[in-house]
Amino acid sequence: MIPFNRTCPYDIVMKDIYVPECPFCSAANVLVPLKTAELQEIRDGRKKLLVFPCCHHRITLVDADSDYLLASEKLPNRGQ
């Protein structure tokens, strides 16, 4: 089972990766410094440090699918 408290949804728009809302500062439509080619490397088991440009919080990505990025640690709950 996927631990949803460690996931962050993302969208790809013209080869740019956006997070609809930052899990830390709630900034909307954050362009993250991640390339679409890196998603396949993350799916294959390579860890990736992701620094959110809006608030400079860091998470380590351990997996990804077509909708979500999976972090190694629990992300803050937003909207609750």
Protein backbone atom coordinates (compact mmCIF):
# COMPACT_ATOMS: atom_id res chain seq x y z
CA MET A 1 0.00 0.00 0.00
CA ILE A 2 1.24 3.49 -0.86
CA PRO A 3 1.81 5.71 2.19
CA PHE A 4 -0.13 8.77 1.01
CA ASN A 5 1.24 10.89 3.85
CA ARG A 6 4.58 10.74 1.98
CA THR A 7 3.29 11.62 -1.48
CA CYS A 8 3.10 14.83 -3.44
CA PRO A 9 1.04 15.10 -6.65
CA TYR A 10 2.63 16.59 -9.75
CA ASP A 11 1.72 17.60 -13.30
CA ILE A 12 3.81 17.79 -16.46
CA VAL A 13 3.15 20.81 -18.67
CA MET A 14 5.31 21.15 -21.79
CA LYS A 15 8.18 19.13 -20.21
CA ASP A 16 8.10 21.20 -17.01
CA ILE A 17 7.09 19.59 -13.73
CA TYR A 18 4.71 21.47 -11.47
CA VAL A 19 3.43 20.70 -7.99
CA PRO A 20 -0.13 22.05 -7.60
CA GLU A 21 0.58 23.15 -4.02
CA CYS A 22 3.78 23.17 -1.96
CA PRO A 23 3.29 20.83 1.02
CA PHE A 24 5.31 23.19 3.24
CA CYS A 25 4.30 26.78 2.43
CA SER A 26 1.10 26.22 0.37
CA ALA A 27 2.40 28.17 -2.64
CA ALA A 28 0.33 27.37 -5.73
CA ASN A 29 1.60 25.90 -9.02
CA VAL A 30 5.26 25.53 -8.04
CA LEU A 31 7.68 24.80 -10.87
CA VAL A 32 10.07 22.27 -9.33
CA PRO A 33 13.69 21.85 -10.48
CA LEU A 34 13.16 18.37 -11.86
CA LYS A 35 13.40 17.15 -15.43
CA THR A 36 11.05 14.63 -16.99
CA ALA A 37 14.01 12.35 -17.76
CA GLU A 38 14.83 12.24 -14.04
CA LEU A 39 11.41 10.76 -13.30
CA GLN A 40 12.40 7.51 -14.98
CA GLU A 41 15.64 7.39 -12.95
CA ILE A 42 13.61 7.85 -9.75
CA ARG A 43 11.22 5.06 -10.84
CA ASP A 44 14.25 2.83 -11.41
CA GLY A 45 15.37 3.27 -7.79
CA ARG A 46 17.66 6.30 -7.83
CA LYS A 47 17.09 8.76 -4.99
CA LYS A 48 16.81 12.47 -5.82
CA LEU A 49 16.99 15.52 -3.56
CA LEU A 50 14.22 17.98 -4.39
CA VAL A 51 14.44 21.56 -3.08
CA PHE A 52 11.23 23.54 -3.39
CA PRO A 53 12.11 26.96 -4.88
CA CYS A 54 9.29 28.72 -3.02
CA CYS A 55 10.41 27.99 0.55
CA HIS A 56 13.68 26.01 0.15
CA HIS A 57 12.44 22.95 2.04
CA ARG A 58 14.12 19.74 0.97
CA ILE A 59 12.75 16.25 0.48
CA THR A 60 14.37 13.08 -0.81
CA LEU A 61 12.38 11.42 -3.58
CA VAL A 62 12.52 7.63 -3.52
CA ASP A 63 9.88 6.71 -6.11
CA ALA A 64 7.48 8.21 -8.63
CA ASP A 65 4.55 7.12 -10.71
CA SER A 66 2.53 8.96 -13.32
CA ASP A 67 0.70 11.08 -10.69
CA TYR A 68 2.70 11.22 -7.45
CA LEU A 69 6.21 11.74 -6.12
CA LEU A 70 7.06 9.58 -3.11
CA ALA A 71 9.27 11.11 -0.41
CA SER A 72 11.38 9.28 2.15
CA GLU A 73 9.78 11.23 5.00
CA LYS A 74 6.26 12.24 5.98
CA LEU A 75 5.08 15.49 4.38
CA PRO A 76 2.96 18.06 6.24
CA ASN A 77 -0.80 17.61 5.92
CA ARG A 78 -2.33 20.50 4.01
CA GLY A 79 -6.03 21.22 3.73
CA GLN A 80 -6.97 19.54 7.03
